């Protein structure tokens, strides 16, 4: 039996994650005099859409580790903001790395206060654009080193309206530093343009995200697409034969039935009694792992209040190998959110209004972001095979294992160790809610 994790939608025994991030940039002044109306598109995984409105010598490569700390700070700041906007009982799930990458790619075309706000919110104020670009180039290189039983693809695309030409330096930077692919779409034929963008997205997400772009805005100039795809195989797989129906207590009054996976074996675990939580690490083959943070009953709000990158690091350093009887629900969830107001509250305001300065993208048309949205999906399942079953029953001990039962809301993190980044994170309130 092998359990995989996939970013975007996944099939049996995969954990999938998808992100969607949409930015729309509008232009002012002379824009209307150009080549008609532009359409806007949404993306998947992490998609930025840039539209235009009716108004008219190299530093040495910086280690991608330099981005891990500010990216983690951004991840938790974003979580706290999203959490305040999410209805009680709803799941939260997103790719903080994907969103950071998307904003960084956007920053390559930003100037002045617009650029300063992007860098300040991302935590990059002590860095310059070249350093950030080099760091992401290094990060893409590191993440691209696929290992057996693990696949992690990250990259970007730009769909450009035929007749509109972004500045060459912007396009070169996106290609060189952010693994960007550039392609033209005829936005005078919005249905065909949407289909082409959707094909690009579906291809990059292994057909897990389809038909994400609809109702293209007639003022669209450019769509910036960012995708992150991760698929990993559990180092210690679950056996399908051990899965059974069980209760999951979504809250004090709501209990749902889930398919509960079970495995007995050695896991790195830490009981943080002072902070009312239990932490367990589920490794994948390769350099990634899932961290599950299970607050004590009734303590989720307290844990959400204090959690930050220091606690993640503390828990990683504090776990120790123990013999555990682990119960983990098999589930598939998705979550989406409009990020416009969230990013404005976090300090990115100019990009969304008339004060926007994206003159690094075009020196003839004034652009602004009109919309930013994000969607992510996570699926954890198992596939039963004899080989996996062997892994489950290969060790027998004469003492009782410690029990960890994930049967109430929990926090989940997908961590990548070689780059020290949080690939995905969120809160699972109800594993049965799609």
Protein backbone atom coordinates (compact mmCIF):
# COMPACT_ATOMS: atom_id res chain seq x y z
CA UNK A 1 0.00 0.00 0.00
CA UNK A 2 1.35 3.34 -0.75
CA UNK A 3 0.06 6.69 0.23
CA UNK A 4 0.84 9.66 -1.92
CA UNK A 5 0.43 13.32 -1.42
CA UNK A 6 -0.44 15.40 -4.40
CA UNK A 7 -0.77 19.03 -4.85
CA UNK A 8 -4.00 19.65 -6.73
CA UNK A 9 -6.60 16.97 -6.86
CA UNK A 10 -5.49 13.44 -6.39
CA UNK A 11 -6.69 9.99 -6.73
CA UNK A 12 -6.40 7.09 -4.41
CA UNK A 13 -3.89 7.46 -1.65
CA UNK A 14 -2.69 10.82 -2.67
CA UNK A 15 -2.50 14.00 -0.76
CA UNK A 16 -3.19 16.71 -3.20
CA UNK A 17 -2.92 20.39 -3.04
CA UNK A 18 -3.85 23.07 -5.43
CA UNK A 19 -3.66 26.77 -5.26
CA UNK A 20 -5.28 29.48 -7.21
CA UNK A 21 -4.21 33.03 -7.15
CA UNK A 22 -5.69 35.59 -9.49
CA UNK A 23 -4.52 39.11 -10.03
CA UNK A 24 -6.10 41.52 -12.42
CA UNK A 25 -4.30 44.67 -13.39
CA UNK A 26 -6.09 47.49 -15.07
CA UNK A 27 -4.63 50.35 -17.07
CA UNK A 28 -5.47 53.99 -17.41
CA UNK A 29 -5.13 56.77 -19.94
CA UNK A 30 -4.17 55.62 -23.43
CA UNK A 31 -5.08 52.00 -22.87
CA UNK A 32 -8.47 52.14 -24.56
CA UNK A 33 -6.89 53.37 -27.76
CA UNK A 34 -4.89 50.22 -28.23
CA UNK A 35 -6.21 46.92 -29.48
CA UNK A 36 -9.70 46.72 -28.15
CA UNK A 37 -10.89 44.94 -25.05
CA UNK A 38 -8.81 42.55 -23.00
CA UNK A 39 -10.09 39.55 -21.07
CA UNK A 40 -9.14 38.30 -17.64
CA UNK A 41 -8.48 34.76 -16.52
CA UNK A 42 -8.27 32.89 -13.30
CA UNK A 43 -5.78 30.24 -12.61
CA UNK A 44 -5.16 27.30 -10.46
CA UNK A 45 -2.49 26.38 -8.04
CA UNK A 46 -1.43 30.00 -7.76
CA UNK A 47 -2.69 32.23 -10.40
CA UNK A 48 -2.16 35.87 -11.00
CA UNK A 49 -4.20 37.66 -13.57
CA UNK A 50 -3.17 41.04 -14.81
CA UNK A 51 -5.66 43.17 -16.70
CA UNK A 52 -5.96 46.66 -18.01
CA UNK A 53 -8.96 48.95 -17.42
CA UNK A 54 -11.12 51.16 -19.56
CA UNK A 55 -9.29 54.25 -18.32
CA UNK A 56 -6.75 54.34 -19.82
CA UNK A 57 25.69 42.39 -13.70
CA UNK A 58 24.68 39.85 -11.36
CA UNK A 59 25.19 39.33 -7.69
CA UNK A 60 26.27 35.95 -6.49
CA UNK A 61 23.42 33.52 -6.04
CA UNK A 62 21.80 33.86 -2.66
CA UNK A 63 20.82 30.72 -0.84
CA UNK A 64 17.10 30.03 -0.93
CA UNK A 65 17.35 29.47 2.81
CA UNK A 66 17.45 33.24 3.20
CA UNK A 67 13.80 33.30 2.13
CA UNK A 68 12.58 30.60 4.50
CA UNK A 69 12.29 32.82 7.58
CA UNK A 70 10.41 35.75 5.98
CA UNK A 71 8.27 33.31 4.00
CA UNK A 72 7.30 31.54 7.22
CA UNK A 73 6.42 34.85 8.89
CA UNK A 74 4.27 35.72 5.88
CA UNK A 75 2.64 32.28 6.00
CA UNK A 76 1.45 32.71 9.58
CA UNK A 77 0.41 36.33 9.11
CA UNK A 78 -1.67 35.19 6.16
CA UNK A 79 -3.15 32.34 8.18
CA UNK A 80 -4.27 34.63 10.98
CA UNK A 81 -5.89 36.99 8.49
CA UNK A 82 -7.64 34.20 6.60
CA UNK A 83 -8.77 32.64 9.85
CA UNK A 84 -10.64 35.79 10.90
CA UNK A 85 -12.53 35.72 7.58
CA UNK A 86 -13.35 32.01 7.57
CA UNK A 87 -16.71 30.90 8.93
CA UNK A 88 -16.65 28.66 11.99
CA UNK A 89 -16.22 25.03 11.08
CA UNK A 90 -14.85 25.72 7.60
CA UNK A 91 -11.52 24.31 6.48
CA UNK A 92 -8.53 26.50 5.68
CA UNK A 93 -5.88 25.30 3.27
CA UNK A 94 -3.39 27.14 1.07
CA UNK A 95 0.18 27.21 -0.21
CA UNK A 96 2.09 30.03 1.49
CA UNK A 97 5.12 29.32 -0.68
CA UNK A 98 2.99 29.57 -3.80
CA UNK A 99 1.50 32.90 -2.76
CA UNK A 100 4.92 34.28 -1.79
CA UNK A 101 6.27 33.24 -5.18
CA UNK A 102 3.36 34.84 -6.98
CA UNK A 103 3.79 38.13 -5.14
CA UNK A 104 7.54 38.04 -5.78
CA UNK A 105 6.98 37.51 -9.47
CA UNK A 106 4.55 40.43 -9.44
CA UNK A 107 7.15 42.56 -7.69
CA UNK A 108 9.56 42.21 -10.62
CA UNK A 109 7.27 44.56 -12.54
CA UNK A 110 6.44 46.88 -9.61
CA UNK A 111 8.16 50.15 -8.86
CA UNK A 112 8.13 52.85 -6.19
CA UNK A 113 5.77 52.52 -3.23
CA UNK A 114 3.95 49.62 -4.90
CA UNK A 115 7.18 47.63 -4.84
CA UNK A 116 8.01 48.74 -1.30
CA UNK A 117 4.64 47.53 0.00
CA UNK A 118 5.05 44.14 -1.66
CA UNK A 119 8.52 43.66 -0.21
CA UNK A 120 7.52 44.94 3.23
CA UNK A 121 4.56 42.56 3.45
CA UNK A 122 6.66 39.64 2.25
CA UNK A 123 9.37 40.47 4.78
CA UNK A 124 11.98 41.20 2.10
CA UNK A 125 12.71 44.82 3.06
CA UNK A 126 16.39 44.14 3.77
CA UNK A 127 16.78 42.55 0.33
CA UNK A 128 16.74 44.00 -3.17
CA UNK A 129 14.88 42.60 -6.18
CA UNK A 130 17.98 40.97 -7.62
CA UNK A 131 18.67 39.11 -4.40
CA UNK A 132 15.09 37.88 -4.20
CA UNK A 133 15.11 36.85 -7.84
CA UNK A 134 18.34 34.92 -7.39
CA UNK A 135 17.00 33.26 -4.24
CA UNK A 136 13.89 32.04 -6.04
CA UNK A 137 15.97 30.79 -8.94
CA UNK A 138 17.99 28.78 -6.45
CA UNK A 139 14.82 27.60 -4.70
CA UNK A 140 13.32 26.39 -8.00
CA UNK A 141 16.54 24.54 -8.69
CA UNK A 142 16.50 22.87 -5.29
CA UNK A 143 12.84 21.92 -5.52
CA UNK A 144 13.37 20.58 -9.01
CA UNK A 145 15.75 17.92 -7.78
CA UNK A 146 13.15 15.16 -7.88
CA UNK A 147 13.78 12.16 -5.73
CA UNK A 148 12.41 8.68 -6.12
CA UNK A 149 8.74 8.54 -5.09
CA UNK A 150 8.53 12.31 -4.78
CA UNK A 151 7.57 14.90 -7.37
CA UNK A 152 7.59 18.61 -6.71
CA UNK A 153 7.03 20.94 -9.65
CA UNK A 154 6.95 24.70 -9.28
CA UNK A 155 6.80 27.27 -12.01
CA UNK A 156 4.93 30.11 -13.61
CA UNK A 157 3.23 31.07 -16.83
CA UNK A 158 2.12 34.29 -18.45
CA UNK A 159 -0.77 34.41 -20.88
CA UNK A 160 -0.36 37.64 -22.85
CA UNK A 161 -3.09 39.22 -24.91
CA UNK A 162 -2.20 39.27 -28.58
CA UNK A 163 -1.31 42.83 -29.50
CA UNK A 164 0.05 43.72 -26.07
CA UNK A 165 3.77 43.52 -25.47
CA UNK A 166 5.08 43.65 -21.88
CA UNK A 167 8.54 45.07 -21.35
CA UNK A 168 11.24 42.66 -22.44
CA UNK A 169 13.11 42.85 -19.13
CA UNK A 170 10.00 41.81 -17.21
CA UNK A 171 9.49 38.80 -19.47
CA UNK A 172 13.17 37.85 -19.30
CA UNK A 173 13.18 38.05 -15.49
CA UNK A 174 10.05 35.89 -15.23
CA UNK A 175 11.60 33.29 -17.55
CA UNK A 176 15.05 33.31 -16.00
CA UNK A 177 14.30 33.58 -12.29
CA UNK A 178 10.76 32.21 -11.97
CA UNK A 179 10.73 29.42 -14.57
CA UNK A 180 8.03 31.30 -16.46
CA UNK A 181 6.51 30.13 -19.73
CA UNK A 182 5.10 32.86 -21.99
CA UNK A 183 2.28 32.27 -24.45
CA UNK A 184 -0.14 34.49 -26.38
CA UNK A 185 -3.92 34.25 -26.29
CA UNK A 186 -6.50 35.93 -28.48
CA UNK A 187 -8.67 37.68 -25.94
CA UNK A 188 -10.99 38.93 -28.64
CA UNK A 189 -12.22 35.32 -28.54
CA UNK A 190 -12.70 34.93 -24.78
CA UNK A 191 -13.98 31.35 -24.85
CA UNK A 192 -11.01 30.12 -26.87
CA UNK A 193 -8.60 32.13 -24.71
CA UNK A 194 -10.09 30.68 -21.53
CA UNK A 195 -9.84 27.17 -22.95
CA UNK A 196 -6.16 27.68 -23.81
CA UNK A 197 -5.35 29.02 -20.36
CA UNK A 198 -7.28 26.15 -18.78
CA UNK A 199 -5.30 23.64 -20.84
CA UNK A 200 -2.06 25.15 -19.58
CA UNK A 201 -3.27 24.97 -15.99
CA UNK A 202 -4.58 21.41 -16.34
CA UNK A 203 -1.30 20.27 -17.86
CA UNK A 204 0.76 21.79 -15.05
CA UNK A 205 -1.50 20.29 -12.38
CA UNK A 206 -1.66 16.80 -13.88
CA UNK A 207 -5.29 17.40 -14.89
CA UNK A 208 -6.27 17.92 -11.28
CA UNK A 209 -7.41 21.48 -11.88
CA UNK A 210 -9.70 21.99 -14.82
CA UNK A 211 -11.90 24.78 -16.15
CA UNK A 212 -10.64 27.29 -13.62
CA UNK A 213 -10.82 30.23 -16.00
CA UNK A 214 -14.28 31.41 -16.97
CA UNK A 215 -16.03 34.68 -17.73
CA UNK A 216 -12.93 36.53 -18.89
CA UNK A 217 -12.96 40.23 -18.12
CA UNK A 218 -13.02 42.29 -21.33
CA UNK A 219 -10.26 44.54 -19.89
CA UNK A 220 -7.71 41.79 -19.37
CA UNK A 221 -4.21 42.25 -20.70
CA UNK A 222 -2.20 39.51 -19.09
CA UNK A 223 -2.62 36.52 -16.80
CA UNK A 224 0.25 35.54 -14.53
CA UNK A 225 -0.02 31.91 -13.48
CA UNK A 226 1.86 30.25 -10.67
CA UNK A 227 1.59 26.54 -9.93
CA UNK A 228 2.94 24.20 -7.29
CA UNK A 229 2.50 20.47 -7.65
CA UNK A 230 3.65 18.02 -5.02
CA UNK A 231 3.26 14.28 -4.94
CA UNK A 232 4.98 12.16 -2.33
CA UNK A 233 4.84 8.60 -1.14
CA UNK A 234 4.52 7.86 2.55
CA UNK A 235 7.71 6.43 3.97
CA UNK A 236 5.54 4.29 6.22
CA UNK A 237 2.39 3.49 4.23
CA UNK A 238 -1.01 2.65 5.65
CA UNK A 239 -2.83 -0.56 4.90
CA UNK A 240 -6.21 -0.34 3.25
CA UNK A 241 -7.28 -3.35 5.28
CA UNK A 242 -6.85 -1.36 8.48
CA UNK A 243 -9.15 1.50 7.42
CA UNK A 244 -12.57 1.56 9.08
CA UNK A 245 -15.52 3.86 9.71
CA UNK A 246 -15.08 6.12 12.73
CA UNK A 247 -16.38 9.33 14.27
CA UNK A 248 -14.65 12.67 13.79
CA UNK A 249 -15.75 15.38 16.20
CA UNK A 250 -15.85 18.54 14.10
CA UNK A 251 -17.06 20.54 17.09
CA UNK A 252 -18.96 20.00 20.33
CA UNK A 253 -22.24 19.42 18.54
CA UNK A 254 -21.15 18.00 15.17
CA UNK A 255 -19.86 14.50 14.60
CA UNK A 256 -19.16 13.15 11.11
CA UNK A 257 -18.26 9.70 9.84
CA UNK A 258 -14.83 9.34 8.25
CA UNK A 259 -12.71 6.54 6.83
CA UNK A 260 -10.11 6.25 9.56
CA UNK A 261 -6.72 4.90 8.57
CA UNK A 262 -4.65 3.14 11.20
CA UNK A 263 -1.02 2.19 11.45
CA UNK A 264 1.17 1.03 14.31
CA UNK A 265 4.83 1.88 14.05
CA UNK A 266 7.55 4.36 14.94
CA UNK A 267 6.91 8.07 14.44
CA UNK A 268 8.54 11.26 15.63
CA UNK A 269 6.13 12.70 18.16
CA UNK A 270 6.11 15.43 20.81
CA UNK A 271 3.62 16.10 23.55
CA UNK A 272 3.73 19.85 24.31
CA UNK A 273 1.69 19.84 27.51
CA UNK A 274 2.49 23.47 28.32
CA UNK A 275 0.95 24.55 25.03
CA UNK A 276 -1.89 22.02 25.01
CA UNK A 277 -0.98 20.22 21.83
CA UNK A 278 0.44 17.02 20.38
CA UNK A 279 2.70 17.07 17.33
CA UNK A 280 3.42 14.12 15.07
CA UNK A 281 5.58 13.95 11.94
CA UNK A 282 4.58 11.72 9.02
CA UNK A 283 7.54 11.48 6.64
CA UNK A 284 7.38 11.02 2.89
CA UNK A 285 10.08 9.31 0.92
CA UNK A 286 12.38 12.14 -0.02
CA UNK A 287 12.82 15.48 1.70
CA UNK A 288 9.23 16.30 2.66
CA UNK A 289 7.02 15.49 5.60
CA UNK A 290 3.60 16.21 7.00
CA UNK A 291 3.41 17.78 10.43
CA UNK A 292 0.10 17.38 12.23
CA UNK A 293 -0.56 19.68 15.17
CA UNK A 294 -3.43 18.31 17.27
CA UNK A 295 -4.60 20.77 19.94
CA UNK A 296 -6.15 19.39 23.09
CA UNK A 297 -9.92 19.36 23.03
CA UNK A 298 -11.24 22.92 23.18
CA UNK A 299 -7.77 24.46 22.73
CA UNK A 300 -7.71 25.15 18.98
CA UNK A 301 -8.26 28.91 19.37
CA UNK A 302 -5.48 29.13 21.93
CA UNK A 303 -3.04 27.24 19.70
CA UNK A 304 -3.97 29.38 16.69
CA UNK A 305 -3.30 32.47 18.76
CA UNK A 306 0.33 31.66 19.56
CA UNK A 307 1.51 29.48 16.69
CA UNK A 308 4.31 30.88 14.54
CA UNK A 309 7.53 29.78 12.87
CA UNK A 310 9.34 29.55 16.21
CA UNK A 311 6.88 26.93 17.44
CA UNK A 312 7.25 24.95 14.21
CA UNK A 313 11.01 24.97 14.68
CA UNK A 314 10.70 24.13 18.38
CA UNK A 315 8.44 21.17 17.66
CA UNK A 316 10.72 19.91 14.89
CA UNK A 317 13.63 20.02 17.31
CA UNK A 318 11.66 18.42 20.16
CA UNK A 319 10.07 15.38 18.52
CA UNK A 320 11.44 11.97 19.36
CA UNK A 321 10.83 8.53 17.93
CA UNK A 322 8.14 6.57 19.71
CA UNK A 323 6.09 3.47 19.05
CA UNK A 324 2.67 4.82 18.10
CA UNK A 325 -0.75 3.55 17.18
CA UNK A 326 -1.78 6.30 14.76
CA UNK A 327 -5.33 6.97 13.61
CA UNK A 328 -5.59 9.44 10.73
CA UNK A 329 -8.72 10.19 8.69
CA UNK A 330 -8.66 9.69 4.95
CA UNK A 331 -10.03 12.86 3.44
CA UNK A 332 -10.24 15.28 0.54
CA UNK A 333 -10.90 18.96 1.17
CA UNK A 334 -10.63 22.17 -0.77
CA UNK A 335 -10.63 25.79 0.26
CA UNK A 336 -10.68 29.03 -1.64
CA UNK A 337 -10.57 32.66 -0.69
CA UNK A 338 -10.53 36.09 -2.23
CA UNK A 339 -7.24 37.65 -1.19
CA UNK A 340 -7.96 41.24 -2.19
CA UNK A 341 -8.96 42.50 1.25
CA UNK A 342 -6.57 40.17 3.05
CA UNK A 343 -3.54 41.49 1.19
CA UNK A 344 -4.71 45.08 1.58
CA UNK A 345 -4.99 44.56 5.34
CA UNK A 346 -1.48 43.12 5.33
CA UNK A 347 -0.12 46.27 3.70
CA UNK A 348 -0.39 45.74 -0.07
CA UNK A 349 -2.73 48.62 -0.91
CA UNK A 350 -1.23 50.59 -3.79
CA UNK A 351 -1.22 47.59 -6.11
CA UNK A 352 -5.02 47.50 -6.07
CA UNK A 353 -5.73 51.16 -6.79
CA UNK A 354 -5.00 54.17 -8.91
CA UNK A 355 -1.63 54.66 -7.19
CA UNK A 356 -0.33 51.36 -8.53
CA UNK A 357 3.04 51.53 -10.28
CA UNK A 358 3.74 48.55 -12.51
CA UNK A 359 5.87 50.49 -14.93
CA UNK A 360 8.31 47.57 -14.88
CA UNK A 361 5.72 45.64 -16.89
CA UNK A 362 4.73 48.37 -19.31
CA UNK A 363 6.03 51.89 -19.80
CA UNK A 364 3.07 52.91 -21.99
CA UNK A 365 0.08 51.58 -20.09
CA UNK A 366 -0.73 52.17 -16.45
CA UNK A 367 -1.74 48.95 -14.68
CA UNK A 368 -3.32 48.05 -11.38
CA UNK A 369 -4.40 44.83 -9.71
CA UNK A 370 -8.15 44.44 -9.57
CA UNK A 371 -8.50 40.95 -8.13
CA UNK A 372 -6.50 38.31 -6.31
CA UNK A 373 -7.91 34.91 -5.40
CA UNK A 374 -6.51 31.61 -4.25
CA UNK A 375 -7.70 28.03 -4.08
CA UNK A 376 -6.07 24.94 -2.63
CA UNK A 377 -7.09 21.33 -2.27
CA UNK A 378 -5.75 18.55 -0.11
CA UNK A 379 -6.51 14.85 -0.34
CA UNK A 380 -5.13 12.12 1.89
CA UNK A 381 -6.03 8.52 1.10
CA UNK A 382 -4.36 5.13 0.92
CA UNK A 383 -4.12 2.33 -1.60
CA UNK A 384 -3.91 -1.21 -0.30
CA UNK A 385 -1.16 -3.49 -1.59
CA UNK A 386 0.62 -6.48 -0.18
CA UNK A 387 3.90 -4.63 -0.06
CA UNK A 388 2.41 -1.92 2.08
CA UNK A 389 0.69 -4.42 4.31
CA UNK A 390 4.07 -5.97 4.93
CA UNK A 391 5.41 -2.65 6.10
CA UNK A 392 2.62 -2.40 8.62
CA UNK A 393 3.13 -5.78 10.20
CA UNK A 394 6.88 -6.11 9.98
CA UNK A 395 7.53 -5.18 13.61
CA UNK A 396 5.87 -6.58 16.70
CA UNK A 397 6.64 -5.36 20.21
CA UNK A 398 5.82 -6.65 23.63
CA UNK A 399 4.72 -3.28 24.95
CA UNK A 400 1.63 -1.27 24.17
CA UNK A 401 2.04 1.62 21.73
CA UNK A 402 1.13 5.20 22.53
CA UNK A 403 -2.13 6.13 20.82
CA UNK A 404 -2.52 9.26 18.68
CA UNK A 405 -6.07 9.61 17.42
CA UNK A 406 -6.71 12.43 14.95
CA UNK A 407 -10.47 12.60 15.51
CA UNK A 408 -10.98 16.31 16.08
CA UNK A 409 -9.91 19.52 14.26
CA UNK A 410 -6.18 19.75 13.59
CA UNK A 411 -3.57 21.89 11.87
CA UNK A 412 -1.56 20.43 9.01
CA UNK A 413 1.72 21.50 7.44
CA UNK A 414 3.57 20.07 4.44
CA UNK A 415 7.23 20.87 5.03
CA UNK A 416 10.16 20.64 2.60
CA UNK A 417 13.43 20.21 4.45
CA UNK A 418 16.06 20.95 1.78
CA UNK A 419 14.75 24.50 1.24
CA UNK A 420 13.22 24.87 4.73
CA UNK A 421 9.90 25.99 3.31
CA UNK A 422 6.26 25.44 4.21
CA UNK A 423 4.74 24.15 0.99
CA UNK A 424 1.17 23.98 2.29
CA UNK A 425 -0.63 24.59 5.55
CA UNK A 426 -4.11 24.84 6.94
CA UNK A 427 -6.74 23.77 9.42
CA UNK A 428 -8.97 20.75 8.94
CA UNK A 429 -12.16 21.32 10.87
CA UNK A 430 -14.23 18.79 8.96
CA UNK A 431 -12.57 16.13 6.76
CA UNK A 432 -15.87 15.44 5.00
CA UNK A 433 -16.42 19.05 3.85
CA UNK A 434 -15.37 19.64 0.24
